[in-house]
N, C-alpha and C. Protein backbone atom coordinates (compact mmCIF):
# COMPACT_ATOMS: atom_id res chain seq x y z
N MET A 1 -47.18 14.50 -10.30
CA MET A 1 -46.68 13.25 -9.82
C MET A 1 -45.17 13.32 -9.66
N THR A 2 -44.73 12.71 -8.62
CA THR A 2 -43.29 12.66 -8.42
C THR A 2 -42.79 11.27 -8.78
N GLN A 3 -41.63 11.27 -9.34
CA GLN A 3 -41.03 9.99 -9.70
C GLN A 3 -40.13 9.52 -8.58
N ASP A 4 -40.10 8.23 -8.41
CA ASP A 4 -39.20 7.66 -7.42
C ASP A 4 -37.77 7.86 -7.90
N PRO A 5 -36.91 8.30 -7.00
CA PRO A 5 -35.52 8.47 -7.42
C PRO A 5 -34.91 7.12 -7.75
N VAL A 6 -34.07 7.12 -8.75
CA VAL A 6 -33.39 5.90 -9.16
C VAL A 6 -32.28 5.62 -8.15
N PRO A 7 -32.28 4.45 -7.57
CA PRO A 7 -31.20 4.16 -6.61
C PRO A 7 -29.86 4.10 -7.33
N PRO A 8 -28.82 4.61 -6.69
CA PRO A 8 -27.52 4.60 -7.34
C PRO A 8 -27.00 3.17 -7.47
N GLU A 9 -26.25 2.97 -8.52
CA GLU A 9 -25.64 1.65 -8.71
C GLU A 9 -24.49 1.51 -7.73
N GLY A 10 -24.30 0.34 -7.22
CA GLY A 10 -23.28 0.11 -6.21
C GLY A 10 -21.95 -0.33 -6.79
N HIS A 11 -21.39 0.47 -7.66
CA HIS A 11 -20.11 0.11 -8.27
C HIS A 11 -19.02 1.08 -7.83
N LEU A 12 -17.89 0.52 -7.53
CA LEU A 12 -16.69 1.31 -7.23
C LEU A 12 -15.63 0.93 -8.24
N ARG A 13 -14.87 1.91 -8.63
CA ARG A 13 -13.76 1.62 -9.54
C ARG A 13 -12.56 1.16 -8.71
N PRO A 14 -11.74 0.28 -9.28
CA PRO A 14 -10.53 -0.13 -8.56
C PRO A 14 -9.57 1.04 -8.39
N THR A 15 -8.67 0.90 -7.46
CA THR A 15 -7.63 1.91 -7.25
C THR A 15 -6.85 2.04 -8.55
N THR A 16 -6.68 3.27 -8.99
CA THR A 16 -6.02 3.48 -10.28
C THR A 16 -4.51 3.47 -10.14
N GLY A 17 -3.88 3.09 -11.23
CA GLY A 17 -2.42 3.12 -11.27
C GLY A 17 -1.89 4.54 -11.17
N ALA A 18 -2.68 5.49 -11.67
CA ALA A 18 -2.25 6.89 -11.60
C ALA A 18 -2.17 7.37 -10.15
N SER A 19 -3.15 7.01 -9.33
CA SER A 19 -3.11 7.44 -7.93
C SER A 19 -1.95 6.78 -7.19
N LEU A 20 -1.66 5.53 -7.53
CA LEU A 20 -0.52 4.86 -6.90
C LEU A 20 0.80 5.47 -7.37
N ALA A 21 0.87 5.82 -8.65
CA ALA A 21 2.09 6.44 -9.17
C ALA A 21 2.31 7.82 -8.55
N ILE A 22 1.24 8.57 -8.38
CA ILE A 22 1.36 9.89 -7.75
C ILE A 22 1.85 9.74 -6.30
N ALA A 23 1.28 8.77 -5.58
CA ALA A 23 1.73 8.55 -4.20
C ALA A 23 3.20 8.15 -4.16
N ALA A 24 3.62 7.29 -5.09
CA ALA A 24 5.01 6.86 -5.12
C ALA A 24 5.95 8.02 -5.45
N VAL A 25 5.55 8.88 -6.38
CA VAL A 25 6.40 10.02 -6.75
C VAL A 25 6.48 11.02 -5.60
N VAL A 26 5.35 11.27 -4.93
CA VAL A 26 5.37 12.16 -3.76
C VAL A 26 6.29 11.59 -2.69
N GLY A 27 6.19 10.29 -2.45
CA GLY A 27 7.09 9.65 -1.48
C GLY A 27 8.54 9.73 -1.91
N LEU A 28 8.81 9.53 -3.20
CA LEU A 28 10.18 9.59 -3.71
C LEU A 28 10.78 10.97 -3.50
N VAL A 29 10.03 12.00 -3.84
CA VAL A 29 10.53 13.37 -3.65
C VAL A 29 10.70 13.68 -2.16
N GLY A 30 9.73 13.26 -1.34
CA GLY A 30 9.83 13.49 0.10
C GLY A 30 11.02 12.78 0.71
N GLY A 31 11.23 11.52 0.31
CA GLY A 31 12.39 10.78 0.81
C GLY A 31 13.70 11.37 0.36
N TRP A 32 13.73 11.85 -0.87
CA TRP A 32 14.94 12.46 -1.39
C TRP A 32 15.25 13.77 -0.67
N LEU A 33 14.22 14.52 -0.30
CA LEU A 33 14.42 15.79 0.41
C LEU A 33 14.68 15.60 1.90
N LEU A 34 14.34 14.44 2.45
CA LEU A 34 14.45 14.23 3.89
C LEU A 34 15.87 14.39 4.39
N ARG A 35 16.83 13.82 3.69
CA ARG A 35 18.21 13.87 4.18
C ARG A 35 18.76 15.30 4.24
N PRO A 36 18.71 16.08 3.16
CA PRO A 36 19.28 17.43 3.26
C PRO A 36 18.53 18.32 4.25
N VAL A 37 17.24 18.19 4.31
CA VAL A 37 16.47 19.01 5.26
C VAL A 37 16.80 18.61 6.69
N SER A 38 16.88 17.32 6.95
CA SER A 38 17.19 16.83 8.29
C SER A 38 18.61 17.23 8.72
N VAL A 39 19.55 17.14 7.80
CA VAL A 39 20.93 17.54 8.12
C VAL A 39 20.99 19.03 8.43
N ARG A 40 20.23 19.81 7.69
CA ARG A 40 20.24 21.26 7.91
C ARG A 40 19.59 21.60 9.25
N ILE A 41 18.51 20.92 9.61
CA ILE A 41 17.79 21.23 10.84
C ILE A 41 18.45 20.60 12.07
N ASN A 42 18.75 19.30 11.99
CA ASN A 42 19.25 18.55 13.15
C ASN A 42 20.75 18.32 13.14
N GLY A 43 21.37 18.49 12.00
CA GLY A 43 22.80 18.23 11.90
C GLY A 43 23.13 16.79 11.60
N THR A 44 22.13 15.93 11.49
CA THR A 44 22.35 14.52 11.18
C THR A 44 21.18 13.96 10.39
N ALA A 45 21.46 12.94 9.62
CA ALA A 45 20.41 12.28 8.82
C ALA A 45 19.71 11.22 9.67
N PRO A 46 18.43 10.99 9.41
CA PRO A 46 17.69 9.97 10.18
C PRO A 46 18.28 8.56 9.95
N VAL A 47 18.21 7.76 10.99
CA VAL A 47 18.67 6.38 10.91
C VAL A 47 17.46 5.49 10.62
N ILE A 48 17.62 4.59 9.68
CA ILE A 48 16.57 3.63 9.35
C ILE A 48 16.90 2.34 10.10
N THR A 49 15.95 1.87 10.90
CA THR A 49 16.18 0.64 11.67
C THR A 49 15.54 -0.54 10.96
N TRP A 50 15.94 -1.74 11.40
CA TRP A 50 15.33 -2.95 10.85
C TRP A 50 13.87 -3.06 11.22
N VAL A 51 13.51 -2.50 12.36
CA VAL A 51 12.10 -2.56 12.78
C VAL A 51 11.22 -1.84 11.77
N GLN A 52 11.65 -0.68 11.31
CA GLN A 52 10.87 0.07 10.32
C GLN A 52 10.73 -0.73 9.03
N ALA A 53 11.83 -1.28 8.57
CA ALA A 53 11.81 -2.01 7.30
C ALA A 53 10.97 -3.29 7.41
N LEU A 54 11.18 -4.04 8.47
CA LEU A 54 10.47 -5.31 8.61
C LEU A 54 9.01 -5.13 8.98
N ALA A 55 8.66 -3.98 9.56
CA ALA A 55 7.24 -3.72 9.87
C ALA A 55 6.43 -3.65 8.58
N LEU A 56 6.99 -3.06 7.54
CA LEU A 56 6.28 -3.01 6.26
C LEU A 56 6.11 -4.40 5.66
N VAL A 57 7.13 -5.23 5.79
CA VAL A 57 7.04 -6.60 5.30
C VAL A 57 5.98 -7.37 6.10
N PHE A 58 5.93 -7.16 7.40
CA PHE A 58 4.93 -7.82 8.25
C PHE A 58 3.52 -7.39 7.87
N VAL A 59 3.32 -6.09 7.67
CA VAL A 59 2.00 -5.58 7.28
C VAL A 59 1.60 -6.17 5.92
N ALA A 60 2.55 -6.29 5.01
CA ALA A 60 2.27 -6.89 3.71
C ALA A 60 1.83 -8.35 3.87
N ALA A 61 2.48 -9.08 4.78
CA ALA A 61 2.10 -10.47 5.02
C ALA A 61 0.70 -10.57 5.61
N VAL A 62 0.37 -9.68 6.54
CA VAL A 62 -0.98 -9.68 7.12
C VAL A 62 -2.02 -9.36 6.05
N LEU A 63 -1.75 -8.37 5.22
CA LEU A 63 -2.68 -8.02 4.15
C LEU A 63 -2.84 -9.17 3.16
N ALA A 64 -1.75 -9.86 2.87
CA ALA A 64 -1.83 -11.02 1.96
C ALA A 64 -2.70 -12.12 2.56
N TYR A 65 -2.57 -12.36 3.85
CA TYR A 65 -3.41 -13.36 4.50
C TYR A 65 -4.89 -12.95 4.46
N VAL A 66 -5.16 -11.69 4.77
CA VAL A 66 -6.55 -11.21 4.73
C VAL A 66 -7.11 -11.32 3.30
N ALA A 67 -6.27 -11.02 2.31
CA ALA A 67 -6.71 -11.14 0.91
C ALA A 67 -7.03 -12.59 0.58
N TRP A 68 -6.17 -13.50 1.00
CA TRP A 68 -6.41 -14.92 0.73
C TRP A 68 -7.70 -15.38 1.40
N HIS A 69 -7.87 -15.00 2.65
CA HIS A 69 -9.07 -15.41 3.40
C HIS A 69 -10.33 -14.82 2.75
N THR A 70 -10.26 -13.57 2.34
CA THR A 70 -11.40 -12.93 1.69
C THR A 70 -11.70 -13.60 0.36
N TRP A 71 -10.67 -13.92 -0.41
CA TRP A 71 -10.85 -14.61 -1.69
C TRP A 71 -11.53 -15.96 -1.48
N GLN A 72 -11.06 -16.68 -0.48
CA GLN A 72 -11.66 -18.00 -0.20
C GLN A 72 -13.14 -17.85 0.16
N THR A 73 -13.45 -16.86 0.96
CA THR A 73 -14.83 -16.67 1.42
C THR A 73 -15.74 -16.25 0.27
N ILE A 74 -15.35 -15.25 -0.48
CA ILE A 74 -16.24 -14.67 -1.49
C ILE A 74 -16.19 -15.42 -2.81
N GLN A 75 -15.01 -15.72 -3.30
CA GLN A 75 -14.89 -16.28 -4.64
C GLN A 75 -14.98 -17.80 -4.67
N VAL A 76 -14.37 -18.47 -3.70
CA VAL A 76 -14.33 -19.93 -3.74
C VAL A 76 -15.58 -20.54 -3.10
N ARG A 77 -15.88 -20.16 -1.86
CA ARG A 77 -17.04 -20.73 -1.16
C ARG A 77 -18.34 -20.00 -1.49
N ARG A 78 -18.25 -18.88 -2.19
CA ARG A 78 -19.42 -18.08 -2.59
C ARG A 78 -20.29 -17.66 -1.41
N GLN A 79 -19.62 -17.31 -0.30
CA GLN A 79 -20.34 -16.82 0.87
C GLN A 79 -20.29 -15.30 0.87
N ARG A 80 -21.26 -14.72 1.55
CA ARG A 80 -21.29 -13.26 1.69
C ARG A 80 -20.64 -12.86 2.99
N LEU A 81 -19.86 -11.80 2.92
CA LEU A 81 -19.34 -11.18 4.13
C LEU A 81 -20.40 -10.21 4.64
N PRO A 82 -20.47 -10.00 5.94
CA PRO A 82 -21.34 -8.93 6.43
C PRO A 82 -20.92 -7.61 5.78
N ASP A 83 -21.90 -6.76 5.51
CA ASP A 83 -21.64 -5.52 4.76
C ASP A 83 -20.54 -4.68 5.39
N ASN A 84 -20.61 -4.51 6.71
CA ASN A 84 -19.61 -3.66 7.35
C ASN A 84 -18.21 -4.26 7.25
N ARG A 85 -18.09 -5.57 7.32
CA ARG A 85 -16.78 -6.21 7.21
C ARG A 85 -16.22 -6.09 5.79
N ALA A 86 -17.09 -6.23 4.80
CA ALA A 86 -16.64 -6.09 3.41
C ALA A 86 -16.17 -4.66 3.12
N VAL A 87 -16.92 -3.69 3.60
CA VAL A 87 -16.53 -2.29 3.40
C VAL A 87 -15.23 -2.00 4.14
N ASN A 88 -15.10 -2.50 5.35
CA ASN A 88 -13.87 -2.28 6.11
C ASN A 88 -12.66 -2.85 5.38
N ARG A 89 -12.80 -4.03 4.79
CA ARG A 89 -11.68 -4.63 4.07
C ARG A 89 -11.36 -3.85 2.80
N LEU A 90 -12.38 -3.36 2.14
CA LEU A 90 -12.14 -2.57 0.94
C LEU A 90 -11.44 -1.26 1.29
N VAL A 91 -11.88 -0.60 2.34
CA VAL A 91 -11.23 0.65 2.77
C VAL A 91 -9.79 0.37 3.21
N LEU A 92 -9.58 -0.71 3.94
CA LEU A 92 -8.22 -1.10 4.34
C LEU A 92 -7.35 -1.33 3.12
N ALA A 93 -7.88 -2.01 2.12
CA ALA A 93 -7.10 -2.30 0.91
C ALA A 93 -6.72 -1.02 0.18
N ARG A 94 -7.67 -0.14 0.00
CA ARG A 94 -7.38 1.09 -0.74
C ARG A 94 -6.38 1.98 0.01
N ALA A 95 -6.59 2.15 1.30
CA ALA A 95 -5.68 2.99 2.08
C ALA A 95 -4.29 2.37 2.14
N SER A 96 -4.22 1.07 2.33
CA SER A 96 -2.92 0.41 2.43
C SER A 96 -2.17 0.43 1.10
N ALA A 97 -2.88 0.37 0.00
CA ALA A 97 -2.22 0.45 -1.31
C ALA A 97 -1.55 1.81 -1.48
N LEU A 98 -2.26 2.86 -1.10
CA LEU A 98 -1.69 4.21 -1.23
C LEU A 98 -0.53 4.41 -0.26
N VAL A 99 -0.69 3.94 0.97
CA VAL A 99 0.39 4.08 1.96
C VAL A 99 1.60 3.24 1.55
N GLY A 100 1.35 2.05 1.02
CA GLY A 100 2.46 1.22 0.55
C GLY A 100 3.24 1.88 -0.57
N ALA A 101 2.54 2.48 -1.52
CA ALA A 101 3.21 3.18 -2.62
C ALA A 101 3.99 4.39 -2.10
N LEU A 102 3.37 5.12 -1.17
CA LEU A 102 4.03 6.29 -0.58
C LEU A 102 5.28 5.87 0.19
N ALA A 103 5.17 4.82 0.99
CA ALA A 103 6.32 4.35 1.78
C ALA A 103 7.42 3.80 0.87
N ALA A 104 7.04 3.04 -0.15
CA ALA A 104 8.04 2.51 -1.08
C ALA A 104 8.80 3.65 -1.76
N GLY A 105 8.07 4.64 -2.22
CA GLY A 105 8.72 5.79 -2.83
C GLY A 105 9.58 6.57 -1.85
N GLY A 106 9.09 6.75 -0.63
CA GLY A 106 9.83 7.49 0.38
C GLY A 106 11.14 6.82 0.75
N TYR A 107 11.08 5.53 1.01
CA TYR A 107 12.31 4.83 1.38
C TYR A 107 13.26 4.72 0.19
N ALA A 108 12.71 4.57 -1.02
CA ALA A 108 13.57 4.53 -2.20
C ALA A 108 14.25 5.89 -2.39
N GLY A 109 13.50 6.97 -2.22
CA GLY A 109 14.09 8.30 -2.36
C GLY A 109 15.17 8.57 -1.34
N TYR A 110 14.92 8.17 -0.10
CA TYR A 110 15.92 8.36 0.95
C TYR A 110 17.15 7.49 0.68
N GLY A 111 16.91 6.26 0.21
CA GLY A 111 18.03 5.38 -0.11
C GLY A 111 18.88 5.90 -1.26
N ILE A 112 18.24 6.52 -2.24
CA ILE A 112 18.97 7.08 -3.38
C ILE A 112 19.99 8.12 -2.93
N THR A 113 19.65 8.86 -1.88
CA THR A 113 20.58 9.90 -1.42
C THR A 113 21.85 9.31 -0.83
N TRP A 114 21.85 8.02 -0.51
CA TRP A 114 23.03 7.39 0.07
C TRP A 114 23.89 6.66 -0.95
N ILE A 115 23.44 6.59 -2.19
CA ILE A 115 24.23 5.92 -3.23
C ILE A 115 25.50 6.72 -3.48
N GLY A 116 26.64 6.04 -3.42
CA GLY A 116 27.93 6.69 -3.66
C GLY A 116 28.47 7.50 -2.50
N ASP A 117 27.78 7.50 -1.38
CA ASP A 117 28.25 8.24 -0.21
C ASP A 117 29.29 7.39 0.52
N ALA A 118 30.37 8.01 0.94
CA ALA A 118 31.46 7.28 1.58
C ALA A 118 31.36 7.25 3.10
N SER A 119 30.24 7.73 3.65
CA SER A 119 30.14 7.76 5.12
C SER A 119 30.02 6.35 5.68
N GLU A 120 30.22 6.26 6.96
CA GLU A 120 30.30 4.98 7.66
C GLU A 120 29.00 4.16 7.58
N LEU A 121 27.87 4.81 7.72
CA LEU A 121 26.58 4.10 7.75
C LEU A 121 25.83 4.11 6.43
N ALA A 122 26.46 4.58 5.35
CA ALA A 122 25.76 4.71 4.07
C ALA A 122 25.27 3.36 3.55
N ASP A 123 26.13 2.35 3.57
CA ASP A 123 25.72 1.03 3.05
C ASP A 123 24.60 0.42 3.89
N GLU A 124 24.71 0.59 5.19
CA GLU A 124 23.67 0.07 6.09
C GLU A 124 22.33 0.76 5.83
N ARG A 125 22.36 2.06 5.70
CA ARG A 125 21.13 2.80 5.43
C ARG A 125 20.56 2.45 4.07
N LEU A 126 21.42 2.27 3.09
CA LEU A 126 20.98 1.92 1.75
C LEU A 126 20.31 0.54 1.74
N LEU A 127 20.89 -0.43 2.43
CA LEU A 127 20.30 -1.77 2.51
C LEU A 127 18.94 -1.73 3.21
N ARG A 128 18.88 -1.05 4.33
CA ARG A 128 17.62 -0.99 5.08
C ARG A 128 16.55 -0.24 4.29
N CYS A 129 16.93 0.80 3.60
CA CYS A 129 15.97 1.52 2.75
C CYS A 129 15.48 0.62 1.63
N GLY A 130 16.37 -0.18 1.07
CA GLY A 130 15.96 -1.12 0.02
C GLY A 130 14.96 -2.13 0.51
N VAL A 131 15.21 -2.69 1.69
CA VAL A 131 14.28 -3.66 2.27
C VAL A 131 12.93 -2.99 2.57
N ALA A 132 12.97 -1.78 3.09
CA ALA A 132 11.74 -1.06 3.40
C ALA A 132 10.98 -0.71 2.12
N ALA A 133 11.69 -0.33 1.07
CA ALA A 133 11.02 -0.02 -0.20
C ALA A 133 10.36 -1.26 -0.78
N VAL A 134 11.04 -2.39 -0.70
CA VAL A 134 10.43 -3.65 -1.16
C VAL A 134 9.23 -4.00 -0.28
N GLY A 135 9.34 -3.78 1.02
CA GLY A 135 8.19 -4.01 1.91
C GLY A 135 7.01 -3.14 1.55
N GLY A 136 7.27 -1.88 1.20
CA GLY A 136 6.20 -0.99 0.76
C GLY A 136 5.55 -1.47 -0.52
N LEU A 137 6.37 -1.95 -1.47
CA LEU A 137 5.83 -2.50 -2.71
C LEU A 137 4.99 -3.75 -2.44
N LEU A 138 5.49 -4.63 -1.58
CA LEU A 138 4.72 -5.83 -1.23
C LEU A 138 3.41 -5.46 -0.55
N MET A 139 3.45 -4.43 0.29
CA MET A 139 2.24 -3.96 0.95
C MET A 139 1.23 -3.45 -0.08
N MET A 140 1.71 -2.70 -1.05
CA MET A 140 0.84 -2.18 -2.10
C MET A 140 0.24 -3.34 -2.91
N LEU A 141 1.06 -4.30 -3.29
CA LEU A 141 0.57 -5.42 -4.09
C LEU A 141 -0.44 -6.27 -3.32
N ALA A 142 -0.15 -6.56 -2.05
CA ALA A 142 -1.09 -7.33 -1.24
C ALA A 142 -2.41 -6.59 -1.08
N SER A 143 -2.34 -5.27 -0.97
CA SER A 143 -3.55 -4.46 -0.85
C SER A 143 -4.38 -4.51 -2.12
N LEU A 144 -3.71 -4.48 -3.27
CA LEU A 144 -4.44 -4.57 -4.53
C LEU A 144 -5.08 -5.95 -4.70
N VAL A 145 -4.41 -6.98 -4.22
CA VAL A 145 -5.01 -8.32 -4.25
C VAL A 145 -6.23 -8.37 -3.32
N LEU A 146 -6.13 -7.75 -2.15
CA LEU A 146 -7.27 -7.69 -1.23
C LEU A 146 -8.43 -6.93 -1.86
N GLU A 147 -8.13 -5.84 -2.52
CA GLU A 147 -9.18 -5.07 -3.19
C GLU A 147 -9.87 -5.93 -4.25
N ARG A 148 -9.09 -6.68 -4.98
CA ARG A 148 -9.64 -7.57 -6.01
C ARG A 148 -10.48 -8.68 -5.37
N ALA A 149 -10.04 -9.18 -4.24
CA ALA A 149 -10.77 -10.26 -3.56
C ALA A 149 -12.12 -9.79 -3.03
N CYS A 150 -12.25 -8.49 -2.80
CA CYS A 150 -13.51 -7.95 -2.28
C CYS A 150 -14.61 -7.86 -3.34
N ARG A 151 -14.27 -8.06 -4.59
CA ARG A 151 -15.27 -7.99 -5.65
C ARG A 151 -16.27 -9.13 -5.50
N VAL A 152 -17.51 -8.78 -5.62
CA VAL A 152 -18.57 -9.78 -5.53
C VAL A 152 -18.77 -10.38 -6.91
N PRO A 153 -18.78 -11.73 -7.01
CA PRO A 153 -18.94 -12.34 -8.33
C PRO A 153 -20.33 -12.01 -8.90
N SER A 154 -20.38 -11.89 -10.21
CA SER A 154 -21.67 -11.58 -10.84
C SER A 154 -22.58 -12.80 -10.76
N GLU A 155 -23.84 -12.53 -10.69
CA GLU A 155 -24.84 -13.59 -10.61
C GLU A 155 -25.06 -14.15 -12.02
N ASP A 156 -24.82 -15.43 -12.19
CA ASP A 156 -25.07 -16.08 -13.47
C ASP A 156 -26.49 -16.63 -13.46
N PRO A 157 -27.35 -16.14 -14.36
CA PRO A 157 -28.70 -16.66 -14.38
C PRO A 157 -28.71 -18.11 -14.81
N GLY A 158 -29.49 -18.89 -14.14
CA GLY A 158 -29.58 -20.32 -14.45
C GLY A 158 -30.36 -20.56 -15.73
N PRO A 159 -30.24 -21.78 -16.31
CA PRO A 159 -30.94 -22.09 -17.57
C PRO A 159 -32.42 -22.21 -17.40
């Protein structure tokens, strides 16, 4: 006789702090190395524009709205999302959390290289890197809230 295989439980673990910390450290080292490598190859350091910095803030705002909408749907109104939409939001949340941590670390690392530099654009680059790093952090936080909002509430058995 063959036994029926036990169906796997449908549980996913939340994004770990360790994976976010690793992404942030990789971004920090990459951002810190970007300036000397770029100067050696191109003769100039990359310019950070407001579009780059504010794009991260905009993405964070969109993720926060999606998280709020998902929370309202699943937790407050107790409605089900279609399976594909729920999975898409969860994948978006996890990927965006990692990218946000990586971007925050990268811009912070690049900004650190401009601290104490007397060049003409150092303060401008430092400010823009700071805004971009904060945008990356906001993106990561909004993604973690979205991931939390995707959790299906447990069924409470009635009396």
